[in-house]
N, C-alpha and C. Protein backbone atom coordinates (compact mmCIF):
# COMPACT_ATOMS: atom_id res chain seq x y z
N UNK A 1 -19.25 22.68 -8.36
CA UNK A 1 -18.38 21.99 -9.28
C UNK A 1 -17.74 20.79 -8.56
N UNK A 2 -17.59 19.70 -9.29
CA UNK A 2 -17.02 18.48 -8.74
C UNK A 2 -15.50 18.61 -8.65
N UNK A 3 -14.97 18.33 -7.48
CA UNK A 3 -13.53 18.39 -7.27
C UNK A 3 -12.91 17.06 -7.71
N UNK A 4 -11.91 17.12 -8.57
CA UNK A 4 -11.22 15.93 -9.04
C UNK A 4 -9.96 15.74 -8.20
N UNK A 5 -9.88 14.60 -7.55
CA UNK A 5 -8.72 14.31 -6.72
C UNK A 5 -7.60 13.74 -7.59
N UNK A 6 -6.36 14.06 -7.27
CA UNK A 6 -5.25 13.67 -8.15
C UNK A 6 -4.90 12.18 -8.11
N UNK A 7 -5.25 11.47 -7.06
CA UNK A 7 -4.87 10.06 -6.95
C UNK A 7 -3.42 9.93 -6.52
N UNK A 8 -2.93 8.69 -6.51
CA UNK A 8 -1.55 8.41 -6.13
C UNK A 8 -0.62 8.64 -7.31
N UNK A 9 0.60 9.01 -7.00
CA UNK A 9 1.64 8.99 -8.03
C UNK A 9 2.03 7.54 -8.26
N UNK A 10 2.76 7.28 -9.34
CA UNK A 10 3.21 5.91 -9.60
C UNK A 10 4.10 5.41 -8.47
N UNK A 11 4.96 6.28 -7.95
CA UNK A 11 5.83 5.91 -6.82
C UNK A 11 5.00 5.54 -5.59
N UNK A 12 3.94 6.27 -5.33
CA UNK A 12 3.07 5.95 -4.20
C UNK A 12 2.42 4.58 -4.37
N UNK A 13 2.03 4.26 -5.60
CA UNK A 13 1.47 2.93 -5.86
C UNK A 13 2.51 1.85 -5.59
N UNK A 14 3.75 2.09 -5.99
CA UNK A 14 4.80 1.10 -5.76
C UNK A 14 5.03 0.88 -4.26
N UNK A 15 5.09 1.96 -3.51
CA UNK A 15 5.29 1.87 -2.06
C UNK A 15 4.10 1.18 -1.39
N UNK A 16 2.91 1.56 -1.79
CA UNK A 16 1.70 0.97 -1.22
C UNK A 16 1.62 -0.52 -1.56
N UNK A 17 2.00 -0.87 -2.77
CA UNK A 17 2.02 -2.28 -3.15
C UNK A 17 2.94 -3.09 -2.25
N UNK A 18 4.10 -2.54 -1.94
CA UNK A 18 5.04 -3.24 -1.06
C UNK A 18 4.47 -3.36 0.36
N UNK A 19 3.83 -2.31 0.83
CA UNK A 19 3.22 -2.35 2.16
C UNK A 19 2.09 -3.37 2.22
N UNK A 20 1.30 -3.45 1.17
CA UNK A 20 0.22 -4.44 1.11
C UNK A 20 0.81 -5.84 1.10
N UNK A 21 1.87 -6.03 0.33
CA UNK A 21 2.54 -7.33 0.30
C UNK A 21 3.02 -7.71 1.71
N UNK A 22 3.67 -6.77 2.39
CA UNK A 22 4.18 -7.04 3.74
C UNK A 22 3.05 -7.36 4.71
N UNK A 23 1.95 -6.62 4.62
CA UNK A 23 0.80 -6.88 5.49
C UNK A 23 0.22 -8.27 5.20
N UNK A 24 0.13 -8.63 3.93
CA UNK A 24 -0.41 -9.94 3.54
C UNK A 24 0.47 -11.05 4.10
N UNK A 25 1.77 -10.87 4.02
CA UNK A 25 2.71 -11.86 4.56
C UNK A 25 2.55 -11.97 6.08
N UNK A 26 2.48 -10.83 6.77
CA UNK A 26 2.33 -10.83 8.21
C UNK A 26 1.06 -11.57 8.64
N UNK A 27 -0.06 -11.21 8.03
CA UNK A 27 -1.32 -11.83 8.43
C UNK A 27 -1.41 -13.28 7.98
N UNK A 28 -0.73 -13.64 6.90
CA UNK A 28 -0.67 -15.04 6.49
C UNK A 28 0.05 -15.88 7.54
N UNK A 29 1.15 -15.37 8.05
CA UNK A 29 1.89 -16.08 9.09
C UNK A 29 1.09 -16.14 10.40
N UNK A 30 0.45 -15.02 10.73
CA UNK A 30 -0.39 -14.99 11.93
C UNK A 30 -1.53 -16.00 11.80
N UNK A 31 -2.13 -16.08 10.64
CA UNK A 31 -3.21 -17.03 10.40
C UNK A 31 -2.72 -18.45 10.64
N UNK A 32 -1.58 -18.77 10.11
CA UNK A 32 -1.01 -20.11 10.30
C UNK A 32 -0.79 -20.41 11.78
N UNK A 33 -0.19 -19.46 12.49
CA UNK A 33 0.08 -19.66 13.93
C UNK A 33 -1.21 -19.82 14.73
N UNK A 34 -2.19 -18.99 14.45
CA UNK A 34 -3.47 -19.09 15.15
C UNK A 34 -4.18 -20.40 14.83
N UNK A 35 -4.13 -20.78 13.58
CA UNK A 35 -4.76 -22.02 13.15
C UNK A 35 -4.15 -23.22 13.87
N UNK A 36 -2.83 -23.22 13.98
CA UNK A 36 -2.13 -24.31 14.66
C UNK A 36 -2.45 -24.34 16.16
N UNK A 37 -2.67 -23.17 16.73
CA UNK A 37 -2.90 -23.09 18.18
C UNK A 37 -4.36 -23.24 18.59
N UNK A 38 -5.28 -22.75 17.75
CA UNK A 38 -6.68 -22.68 18.17
C UNK A 38 -7.66 -23.44 17.28
N UNK A 39 -7.24 -23.84 16.11
CA UNK A 39 -8.14 -24.56 15.21
C UNK A 39 -8.89 -23.64 14.27
N UNK A 40 -9.42 -24.21 13.21
CA UNK A 40 -10.00 -23.40 12.14
C UNK A 40 -11.31 -22.71 12.49
N UNK A 41 -12.00 -23.16 13.50
CA UNK A 41 -13.29 -22.54 13.83
C UNK A 41 -13.16 -21.43 14.88
N UNK A 42 -11.97 -21.20 15.40
CA UNK A 42 -11.78 -20.17 16.42
C UNK A 42 -12.01 -18.77 15.83
N UNK A 43 -12.62 -17.93 16.62
CA UNK A 43 -12.93 -16.57 16.16
C UNK A 43 -11.70 -15.79 15.71
N UNK A 44 -10.58 -15.83 16.42
CA UNK A 44 -9.40 -15.10 15.94
C UNK A 44 -8.94 -15.58 14.56
N UNK A 45 -9.04 -16.86 14.32
CA UNK A 45 -8.64 -17.41 13.02
C UNK A 45 -9.56 -16.86 11.93
N UNK A 46 -10.84 -16.87 12.18
CA UNK A 46 -11.80 -16.36 11.19
C UNK A 46 -11.62 -14.86 10.95
N UNK A 47 -11.32 -14.12 12.00
CA UNK A 47 -11.09 -12.68 11.85
C UNK A 47 -9.87 -12.39 10.99
N UNK A 48 -8.80 -13.15 11.20
CA UNK A 48 -7.60 -12.95 10.38
C UNK A 48 -7.88 -13.35 8.94
N UNK A 49 -8.69 -14.39 8.72
CA UNK A 49 -9.08 -14.75 7.36
C UNK A 49 -9.82 -13.60 6.68
N UNK A 50 -10.68 -12.93 7.44
CA UNK A 50 -11.40 -11.77 6.90
C UNK A 50 -10.43 -10.64 6.54
N UNK A 51 -9.43 -10.43 7.38
CA UNK A 51 -8.42 -9.40 7.10
C UNK A 51 -7.67 -9.73 5.82
N UNK A 52 -7.28 -10.99 5.67
CA UNK A 52 -6.55 -11.41 4.47
C UNK A 52 -7.40 -11.22 3.22
N UNK A 53 -8.67 -11.57 3.31
CA UNK A 53 -9.57 -11.38 2.17
C UNK A 53 -9.71 -9.90 1.83
N UNK A 54 -9.78 -9.05 2.85
CA UNK A 54 -9.88 -7.61 2.63
C UNK A 54 -8.60 -7.06 2.00
N UNK A 55 -7.46 -7.52 2.46
CA UNK A 55 -6.18 -7.11 1.86
C UNK A 55 -6.14 -7.51 0.39
N UNK A 56 -6.59 -8.71 0.08
CA UNK A 56 -6.59 -9.17 -1.31
C UNK A 56 -7.53 -8.33 -2.18
N UNK A 57 -8.68 -7.96 -1.64
CA UNK A 57 -9.61 -7.10 -2.39
C UNK A 57 -9.01 -5.71 -2.60
N UNK A 58 -8.33 -5.20 -1.58
CA UNK A 58 -7.67 -3.90 -1.70
C UNK A 58 -6.60 -3.94 -2.78
N UNK A 59 -5.79 -4.98 -2.79
CA UNK A 59 -4.73 -5.13 -3.80
C UNK A 59 -5.34 -5.17 -5.20
N UNK A 60 -6.41 -5.93 -5.37
CA UNK A 60 -7.06 -6.02 -6.67
C UNK A 60 -7.61 -4.66 -7.10
N UNK A 61 -8.26 -3.98 -6.18
CA UNK A 61 -8.85 -2.67 -6.48
C UNK A 61 -7.77 -1.66 -6.87
N UNK A 62 -6.70 -1.60 -6.08
CA UNK A 62 -5.63 -0.65 -6.40
C UNK A 62 -4.87 -1.07 -7.65
N UNK A 63 -4.81 -2.36 -7.94
CA UNK A 63 -4.21 -2.83 -9.18
C UNK A 63 -4.96 -2.30 -10.39
N UNK A 64 -6.27 -2.19 -10.28
CA UNK A 64 -7.08 -1.61 -11.36
C UNK A 64 -6.88 -0.10 -11.45
N UNK A 65 -6.80 0.55 -10.29
CA UNK A 65 -6.64 2.01 -10.24
C UNK A 65 -5.31 2.43 -10.85
N UNK A 66 -4.22 1.73 -10.52
CA UNK A 66 -2.92 2.11 -11.03
C UNK A 66 -2.90 2.05 -12.56
N UNK A 67 -3.65 1.13 -13.12
CA UNK A 67 -3.71 1.03 -14.59
C UNK A 67 -4.42 2.22 -15.21
N UNK A 68 -5.51 2.64 -14.60
CA UNK A 68 -6.26 3.77 -15.17
C UNK A 68 -5.54 5.09 -14.94
N UNK A 69 -4.79 5.20 -13.84
CA UNK A 69 -4.07 6.43 -13.55
C UNK A 69 -2.77 6.58 -14.32
N UNK A 70 -2.26 5.48 -14.85
CA UNK A 70 -0.96 5.51 -15.52
C UNK A 70 -1.01 4.78 -16.87
N UNK A 71 -1.84 5.25 -17.80
CA UNK A 71 -1.99 4.54 -19.08
C UNK A 71 -0.71 4.56 -19.92
N UNK A 72 0.20 5.46 -19.62
CA UNK A 72 1.44 5.55 -20.39
C UNK A 72 2.47 4.50 -19.97
N UNK A 73 2.26 3.83 -18.87
CA UNK A 73 3.20 2.82 -18.36
C UNK A 73 3.00 1.48 -19.07
N UNK A 74 4.06 0.71 -19.11
CA UNK A 74 4.01 -0.63 -19.67
C UNK A 74 3.24 -1.56 -18.72
N UNK A 75 2.62 -2.59 -19.26
CA UNK A 75 1.84 -3.53 -18.44
C UNK A 75 2.68 -4.15 -17.34
N UNK A 76 3.92 -4.52 -17.64
CA UNK A 76 4.76 -5.17 -16.63
C UNK A 76 5.06 -4.23 -15.47
N UNK A 77 5.20 -2.92 -15.76
CA UNK A 77 5.44 -1.95 -14.69
C UNK A 77 4.22 -1.85 -13.77
N UNK A 78 3.05 -1.84 -14.38
CA UNK A 78 1.81 -1.74 -13.61
C UNK A 78 1.59 -2.99 -12.76
N UNK A 79 1.87 -4.16 -13.35
CA UNK A 79 1.71 -5.41 -12.62
C UNK A 79 2.66 -5.48 -11.43
N UNK A 80 3.84 -4.92 -11.56
CA UNK A 80 4.82 -4.97 -10.48
C UNK A 80 4.36 -4.21 -9.24
N UNK A 81 3.53 -3.23 -9.40
CA UNK A 81 3.09 -2.44 -8.25
C UNK A 81 2.40 -3.30 -7.19
N UNK A 82 1.49 -4.15 -7.61
CA UNK A 82 0.68 -4.89 -6.64
C UNK A 82 0.80 -6.41 -6.73
N UNK A 83 1.53 -6.90 -7.74
CA UNK A 83 1.57 -8.35 -7.91
C UNK A 83 2.98 -8.93 -8.03
N UNK A 84 3.98 -8.19 -7.61
CA UNK A 84 5.34 -8.70 -7.62
C UNK A 84 5.99 -8.47 -6.27
N UNK A 85 6.94 -9.31 -5.94
CA UNK A 85 7.66 -9.18 -4.68
C UNK A 85 8.89 -8.32 -4.91
N UNK A 86 9.05 -7.31 -4.09
CA UNK A 86 10.25 -6.46 -4.14
C UNK A 86 10.79 -6.40 -2.73
N UNK A 87 12.00 -6.78 -2.58
CA UNK A 87 12.61 -6.76 -1.25
C UNK A 87 13.62 -5.64 -1.17
């Protein structure tokens, strides 16, 4: 029999969204610093660009998941998980 995993709670999605936002900010700043110091063709710069792209894909993927896991929530609540800044 196929085991169905419960997924994240809505609170877990909110926390994860904030962590993804923080990681995106960190790597965005690192990218800028590396770019200024080493130029756009440097391997560290390209690697950080790959990390940023991966973070963006993760955010998009989890943004879709939170919607399917929480159909009873309002659209604005779901959007806030991965696409709004909360400090």
